[in-house]
Amino acid sequence: MTTPSWNDLRIEIIIGALLRTGVMLAAAVVIFGAVVYLARHGHQVATYGVFRGESESLTTVSGIIHGALHMRGSAIIQLGLLILIATPVARVAFSAVAFALEHDYLYVAITLFVLGVLLYSLLGSH
């Protein structure tokens, strides 16, 4: 069995599919979360005179996943937004692997640097 060659066109097609899939999945999760949220809270009247920020459980990844597993609409919406944020990060990670398979080590180094900056800005900048 022969392995398919990794050329620029094939990589672009895979990256395009990755980005489309990530955005569509994120949109589907957000819409599902909105339906769940409106089914449970659509009857409530908003009070705009008092600001209420996000609950503490929606500010961490583990809290969002826990809330989504318990079918909380706001947590499901947040999960969709996390998927949307993760989509371009996954694209950069895939690009690094693709460049490595093409033996283009300069671009591997640059892409890994960009990935490190992205991950630091998302996870380590506290």
N, C-alpha and C. Protein backbone atom coordinates (compact mmCIF):
# COMPACT_ATOMS: atom_id res chain seq x y z
N MET A 1 0.85 -1.18 0.00
CA MET A 1 0.00 0.00 0.00
C MET A 1 0.89 1.24 0.00
N THR A 2 0.64 2.14 -0.91
CA THR A 2 1.44 3.35 -1.00
C THR A 2 0.80 4.47 -0.21
N THR A 3 1.63 5.29 0.36
CA THR A 3 1.11 6.44 1.10
C THR A 3 0.95 7.60 0.13
N PRO A 4 -0.12 8.37 0.28
CA PRO A 4 -0.33 9.50 -0.62
C PRO A 4 0.72 10.57 -0.37
N SER A 5 1.12 11.25 -1.45
CA SER A 5 2.14 12.27 -1.31
C SER A 5 1.54 13.52 -0.67
N TRP A 6 2.36 14.18 0.10
CA TRP A 6 1.93 15.40 0.77
C TRP A 6 2.38 16.59 -0.09
N ASN A 7 1.50 17.07 -0.94
CA ASN A 7 1.82 18.24 -1.73
C ASN A 7 0.99 19.43 -1.23
N ASP A 8 1.31 20.60 -1.75
CA ASP A 8 0.66 21.82 -1.26
C ASP A 8 -0.85 21.80 -1.48
N LEU A 9 -1.29 21.31 -2.62
CA LEU A 9 -2.73 21.29 -2.90
C LEU A 9 -3.47 20.39 -1.92
N ARG A 10 -2.93 19.22 -1.66
CA ARG A 10 -3.58 18.29 -0.72
C ARG A 10 -3.63 18.89 0.69
N ILE A 11 -2.56 19.54 1.10
CA ILE A 11 -2.53 20.17 2.42
C ILE A 11 -3.55 21.29 2.50
N GLU A 12 -3.66 22.10 1.45
CA GLU A 12 -4.64 23.18 1.44
C GLU A 12 -6.06 22.64 1.51
N ILE A 13 -6.32 21.54 0.82
CA ILE A 13 -7.66 20.93 0.85
C ILE A 13 -7.97 20.43 2.26
N ILE A 14 -7.01 19.78 2.89
CA ILE A 14 -7.23 19.26 4.25
C ILE A 14 -7.42 20.42 5.24
N ILE A 15 -6.62 21.46 5.12
CA ILE A 15 -6.76 22.61 6.02
C ILE A 15 -8.11 23.29 5.81
N GLY A 16 -8.53 23.42 4.57
CA GLY A 16 -9.84 24.00 4.30
C GLY A 16 -10.96 23.19 4.93
N ALA A 17 -10.86 21.87 4.79
CA ALA A 17 -11.87 20.98 5.39
C ALA A 17 -11.84 21.08 6.91
N LEU A 18 -10.64 21.17 7.48
CA LEU A 18 -10.50 21.31 8.93
C LEU A 18 -11.17 22.59 9.43
N LEU A 19 -10.92 23.69 8.74
CA LEU A 19 -11.51 24.96 9.15
C LEU A 19 -13.03 24.95 8.98
N ARG A 20 -13.51 24.45 7.84
CA ARG A 20 -14.97 24.38 7.63
C ARG A 20 -15.64 23.50 8.67
N THR A 21 -15.04 22.35 8.94
CA THR A 21 -15.62 21.43 9.92
C THR A 21 -15.65 22.05 11.30
N GLY A 22 -14.56 22.70 11.70
CA GLY A 22 -14.51 23.34 13.02
C GLY A 22 -15.54 24.44 13.17
N VAL A 23 -15.69 25.27 12.15
CA VAL A 23 -16.67 26.36 12.22
C VAL A 23 -18.09 25.82 12.23
N MET A 24 -18.36 24.82 11.39
CA MET A 24 -19.72 24.25 11.35
C MET A 24 -20.05 23.53 12.65
N LEU A 25 -19.08 22.81 13.21
CA LEU A 25 -19.31 22.13 14.49
C LEU A 25 -19.56 23.16 15.59
N ALA A 26 -18.76 24.21 15.62
CA ALA A 26 -18.94 25.25 16.63
C ALA A 26 -20.31 25.91 16.48
N ALA A 27 -20.71 26.21 15.26
CA ALA A 27 -22.03 26.82 15.03
C ALA A 27 -23.15 25.90 15.48
N ALA A 28 -23.03 24.61 15.17
CA ALA A 28 -24.06 23.65 15.58
C ALA A 28 -24.16 23.55 17.09
N VAL A 29 -23.02 23.54 17.77
CA VAL A 29 -23.03 23.45 19.24
C VAL A 29 -23.62 24.73 19.84
N VAL A 30 -23.27 25.90 19.31
CA VAL A 30 -23.82 27.16 19.82
C VAL A 30 -25.33 27.21 19.59
N ILE A 31 -25.79 26.81 18.42
CA ILE A 31 -27.24 26.81 18.15
C ILE A 31 -27.96 25.85 19.07
N PHE A 32 -27.39 24.66 19.27
CA PHE A 32 -27.99 23.70 20.19
C PHE A 32 -28.05 24.27 21.61
N GLY A 33 -26.96 24.90 22.04
CA GLY A 33 -26.94 25.52 23.36
C GLY A 33 -27.96 26.64 23.48
N ALA A 34 -28.13 27.42 22.42
CA ALA A 34 -29.12 28.49 22.44
C ALA A 34 -30.53 27.93 22.57
N VAL A 35 -30.81 26.83 21.87
CA VAL A 35 -32.12 26.20 21.97
C VAL A 35 -32.36 25.71 23.40
N VAL A 36 -31.36 25.04 23.97
CA VAL A 36 -31.49 24.56 25.35
C VAL A 36 -31.68 25.73 26.30
N TYR A 37 -30.88 26.78 26.13
CA TYR A 37 -30.97 27.94 27.01
C TYR A 37 -32.33 28.61 26.91
N LEU A 38 -32.81 28.83 25.70
CA LEU A 38 -34.12 29.48 25.52
C LEU A 38 -35.26 28.61 26.01
N ALA A 39 -35.13 27.28 25.87
CA ALA A 39 -36.17 26.39 26.37
C ALA A 39 -36.30 26.49 27.89
N ARG A 40 -35.19 26.72 28.56
CA ARG A 40 -35.20 26.78 30.02
C ARG A 40 -35.38 28.19 30.57
N HIS A 41 -34.87 29.20 29.85
CA HIS A 41 -34.86 30.56 30.39
C HIS A 41 -35.56 31.58 29.51
N GLY A 42 -36.20 31.16 28.44
CA GLY A 42 -36.82 32.09 27.51
C GLY A 42 -37.97 32.89 28.11
N HIS A 43 -38.56 32.40 29.16
CA HIS A 43 -39.69 33.09 29.80
C HIS A 43 -39.24 34.17 30.79
N GLN A 44 -37.98 34.17 31.15
CA GLN A 44 -37.50 35.13 32.15
C GLN A 44 -37.40 36.52 31.55
N VAL A 45 -37.70 37.51 32.37
CA VAL A 45 -37.60 38.90 31.95
C VAL A 45 -36.25 39.43 32.39
N ALA A 46 -35.54 40.04 31.46
CA ALA A 46 -34.20 40.56 31.75
C ALA A 46 -34.29 41.85 32.55
N THR A 47 -33.37 42.00 33.49
CA THR A 47 -33.24 43.25 34.23
C THR A 47 -31.92 43.88 33.82
N TYR A 48 -32.01 44.93 33.02
CA TYR A 48 -30.81 45.53 32.48
C TYR A 48 -30.19 46.56 33.41
N GLY A 49 -30.82 46.86 34.52
CA GLY A 49 -30.27 47.83 35.46
C GLY A 49 -29.15 47.26 36.30
N VAL A 50 -29.03 45.94 36.34
CA VAL A 50 -28.01 45.28 37.15
C VAL A 50 -27.15 44.41 36.24
N PHE A 51 -25.83 44.62 36.31
CA PHE A 51 -24.91 43.81 35.50
C PHE A 51 -24.63 42.50 36.22
N ARG A 52 -24.77 41.42 35.50
CA ARG A 52 -24.42 40.10 36.02
C ARG A 52 -23.42 39.47 35.06
N GLY A 53 -22.22 39.27 35.53
CA GLY A 53 -21.19 38.63 34.70
C GLY A 53 -21.41 37.13 34.63
N GLU A 54 -20.52 36.47 33.93
CA GLU A 54 -20.59 35.02 33.82
C GLU A 54 -20.35 34.38 35.18
N SER A 55 -21.03 33.27 35.40
CA SER A 55 -20.79 32.56 36.66
C SER A 55 -19.39 31.97 36.65
N GLU A 56 -18.89 31.69 37.81
CA GLU A 56 -17.52 31.16 37.95
C GLU A 56 -17.34 29.84 37.19
N SER A 57 -18.41 29.06 37.08
CA SER A 57 -18.30 27.77 36.40
C SER A 57 -18.09 27.91 34.89
N LEU A 58 -18.35 29.08 34.33
CA LEU A 58 -18.19 29.28 32.89
C LEU A 58 -16.88 29.96 32.53
N THR A 59 -15.97 30.07 33.48
CA THR A 59 -14.70 30.73 33.20
C THR A 59 -13.52 29.76 33.09
N THR A 60 -13.76 28.48 33.28
CA THR A 60 -12.72 27.47 33.12
C THR A 60 -13.19 26.40 32.14
N VAL A 61 -12.25 25.77 31.47
CA VAL A 61 -12.60 24.72 30.51
C VAL A 61 -13.29 23.57 31.21
N SER A 62 -12.78 23.17 32.37
CA SER A 62 -13.41 22.05 33.09
C SER A 62 -14.82 22.41 33.54
N GLY A 63 -15.04 23.64 33.96
CA GLY A 63 -16.37 24.07 34.35
C GLY A 63 -17.34 24.10 33.18
N ILE A 64 -16.84 24.51 32.02
CA ILE A 64 -17.68 24.55 30.82
C ILE A 64 -18.06 23.13 30.40
N ILE A 65 -17.10 22.23 30.40
CA ILE A 65 -17.38 20.85 30.01
C ILE A 65 -18.34 20.21 31.00
N HIS A 66 -18.13 20.44 32.29
CA HIS A 66 -19.02 19.90 33.31
C HIS A 66 -20.44 20.43 33.11
N GLY A 67 -20.57 21.72 32.87
CA GLY A 67 -21.89 22.31 32.64
C GLY A 67 -22.54 21.80 31.37
N ALA A 68 -21.75 21.62 30.32
CA ALA A 68 -22.31 21.11 29.06
C ALA A 68 -22.78 19.67 29.22
N LEU A 69 -22.05 18.87 29.98
CA LEU A 69 -22.48 17.49 30.23
C LEU A 69 -23.77 17.44 31.03
N HIS A 70 -24.02 18.47 31.82
CA HIS A 70 -25.27 18.56 32.58
C HIS A 70 -26.34 19.35 31.83
N MET A 71 -26.13 19.56 30.53
CA MET A 71 -27.09 20.19 29.63
C MET A 71 -27.50 21.59 30.07
N ARG A 72 -26.53 22.38 30.53
CA ARG A 72 -26.78 23.78 30.83
C ARG A 72 -26.53 24.57 29.54
N GLY A 73 -27.55 25.30 29.10
CA GLY A 73 -27.48 26.00 27.83
C GLY A 73 -26.32 26.96 27.71
N SER A 74 -26.07 27.75 28.75
CA SER A 74 -24.97 28.71 28.68
C SER A 74 -23.61 28.01 28.58
N ALA A 75 -23.46 26.87 29.22
CA ALA A 75 -22.21 26.12 29.14
C ALA A 75 -22.04 25.50 27.76
N ILE A 76 -23.14 25.07 27.15
CA ILE A 76 -23.06 24.50 25.80
C ILE A 76 -22.67 25.59 24.81
N ILE A 77 -23.21 26.78 24.97
CA ILE A 77 -22.83 27.91 24.12
C ILE A 77 -21.34 28.21 24.29
N GLN A 78 -20.88 28.25 25.53
CA GLN A 78 -19.45 28.49 25.79
C GLN A 78 -18.59 27.40 25.16
N LEU A 79 -19.05 26.15 25.21
CA LEU A 79 -18.32 25.05 24.60
C LEU A 79 -18.19 25.27 23.09
N GLY A 80 -19.26 25.73 22.47
CA GLY A 80 -19.21 26.04 21.05
C GLY A 80 -18.19 27.13 20.75
N LEU A 81 -18.11 28.12 21.62
CA LEU A 81 -17.12 29.18 21.42
C LEU A 81 -15.70 28.66 21.63
N LEU A 82 -15.52 27.73 22.56
CA LEU A 82 -14.20 27.11 22.74
C LEU A 82 -13.80 26.32 21.49
N ILE A 83 -14.76 25.63 20.89
CA ILE A 83 -14.48 24.89 19.66
C ILE A 83 -14.09 25.86 18.55
N LEU A 84 -14.78 27.00 18.49
CA LEU A 84 -14.46 28.00 17.49
C LEU A 84 -13.05 28.56 17.68
N ILE A 85 -12.66 28.79 18.92
CA ILE A 85 -11.31 29.28 19.22
C ILE A 85 -10.27 28.20 18.91
N ALA A 86 -10.60 26.94 19.18
CA ALA A 86 -9.66 25.85 18.96
C ALA A 86 -9.43 25.54 17.48
N THR A 87 -10.36 25.94 16.62
CA THR A 87 -10.25 25.60 15.20
C THR A 87 -8.99 26.16 14.55
N PRO A 88 -8.70 27.46 14.65
CA PRO A 88 -7.45 27.94 14.03
C PRO A 88 -6.20 27.42 14.73
N VAL A 89 -6.29 27.11 16.01
CA VAL A 89 -5.15 26.53 16.71
C VAL A 89 -4.87 25.13 16.14
N ALA A 90 -5.93 24.36 15.88
CA ALA A 90 -5.77 23.05 15.27
C ALA A 90 -5.20 23.17 13.86
N ARG A 91 -5.56 24.22 13.15
CA ARG A 91 -5.03 24.46 11.82
C ARG A 91 -3.52 24.68 11.86
N VAL A 92 -3.07 25.47 12.82
CA VAL A 92 -1.64 25.73 12.95
C VAL A 92 -0.91 24.44 13.34
N ALA A 93 -1.48 23.66 14.25
CA ALA A 93 -0.86 22.40 14.65
C ALA A 93 -0.78 21.44 13.46
N PHE A 94 -1.85 21.35 12.67
CA PHE A 94 -1.82 20.49 11.49
C PHE A 94 -0.79 20.98 10.49
N SER A 95 -0.67 22.29 10.34
CA SER A 95 0.32 22.84 9.41
C SER A 95 1.73 22.43 9.81
N ALA A 96 2.02 22.43 11.09
CA ALA A 96 3.34 22.02 11.56
C ALA A 96 3.61 20.56 11.19
N VAL A 97 2.61 19.70 11.37
CA VAL A 97 2.76 18.29 11.01
C VAL A 97 2.94 18.15 9.50
N ALA A 98 2.15 18.89 8.74
CA ALA A 98 2.23 18.80 7.28
C ALA A 98 3.60 19.27 6.78
N PHE A 99 4.10 20.36 7.34
CA PHE A 99 5.43 20.83 6.95
C PHE A 99 6.50 19.81 7.31
N ALA A 100 6.34 19.15 8.44
CA ALA A 100 7.30 18.12 8.83
C ALA A 100 7.27 16.94 7.85
N LEU A 101 6.07 16.56 7.41
CA LEU A 101 5.96 15.47 6.44
C LEU A 101 6.55 15.85 5.09
N GLU A 102 6.53 17.14 4.78
CA GLU A 102 7.15 17.62 3.54
C GLU A 102 8.65 17.87 3.71
N HIS A 103 9.17 17.68 4.91
CA HIS A 103 10.58 17.92 5.24
C HIS A 103 10.98 19.38 5.04
N ASP A 104 10.04 20.28 5.32
CA ASP A 104 10.30 21.71 5.21
C ASP A 104 10.50 22.25 6.63
N TYR A 105 11.70 22.07 7.15
CA TYR A 105 11.95 22.29 8.57
C TYR A 105 11.98 23.76 8.97
N LEU A 106 12.27 24.66 8.05
CA LEU A 106 12.19 26.08 8.38
C LEU A 106 10.74 26.45 8.71
N TYR A 107 9.80 25.99 7.89
CA TYR A 107 8.39 26.28 8.15
C TYR A 107 7.88 25.53 9.38
N VAL A 108 8.43 24.36 9.65
CA VAL A 108 8.07 23.66 10.89
C VAL A 108 8.44 24.52 12.09
N ALA A 109 9.64 25.06 12.07
CA ALA A 109 10.10 25.90 13.19
C ALA A 109 9.24 27.15 13.34
N ILE A 110 8.96 27.81 12.23
CA ILE A 110 8.13 29.03 12.28
C ILE A 110 6.73 28.70 12.78
N THR A 111 6.16 27.61 12.27
CA THR A 111 4.80 27.22 12.66
C THR A 111 4.75 26.82 14.13
N LEU A 112 5.76 26.12 14.60
CA LEU A 112 5.79 25.75 16.02
C LEU A 112 5.94 26.99 16.91
N PHE A 113 6.69 27.98 16.43
CA PHE A 113 6.80 29.24 17.17
C PHE A 113 5.43 29.92 17.25
N VAL A 114 4.72 29.99 16.12
CA VAL A 114 3.38 30.59 16.10
C VAL A 114 2.44 29.80 17.01
N LEU A 115 2.52 28.48 16.97
CA LEU A 115 1.69 27.65 17.84
C LEU A 115 2.01 27.91 19.31
N GLY A 116 3.27 28.05 19.63
CA GLY A 116 3.66 28.36 21.01
C GLY A 116 3.10 29.70 21.46
N VAL A 117 3.16 30.71 20.60
CA VAL A 117 2.61 32.02 20.94
C VAL A 117 1.10 31.93 21.14
N LEU A 118 0.42 31.21 20.26
CA LEU A 118 -1.03 31.03 20.40
C LEU A 118 -1.38 30.34 21.72
N LEU A 119 -0.70 29.24 21.99
CA LEU A 119 -0.99 28.50 23.23
C LEU A 119 -0.66 29.31 24.47
N TYR A 120 0.43 30.06 24.41
CA TYR A 120 0.77 30.90 25.55
C TYR A 120 -0.29 31.97 25.77
N SER A 121 -0.75 32.57 24.69
CA SER A 121 -1.75 33.63 24.83
C SER A 121 -3.08 33.08 25.33
N LEU A 122 -3.38 31.81 24.99
CA LEU A 122 -4.64 31.21 25.43
C LEU A 122 -4.54 30.62 26.84
N LEU A 123 -3.41 30.01 27.18
CA LEU A 123 -3.32 29.23 28.40
C LEU A 123 -2.39 29.79 29.45
N GLY A 124 -1.30 30.41 29.04
CA GLY A 124 -0.27 30.72 30.00
C GLY A 124 -0.06 32.18 30.33
N SER A 125 -0.91 33.05 29.85
CA SER A 125 -0.66 34.47 30.04
C SER A 125 -1.27 35.02 31.33
N HIS A 126 -1.72 34.19 32.21
CA HIS A 126 -2.37 34.65 33.45
C HIS A 126 -1.34 35.35 34.30
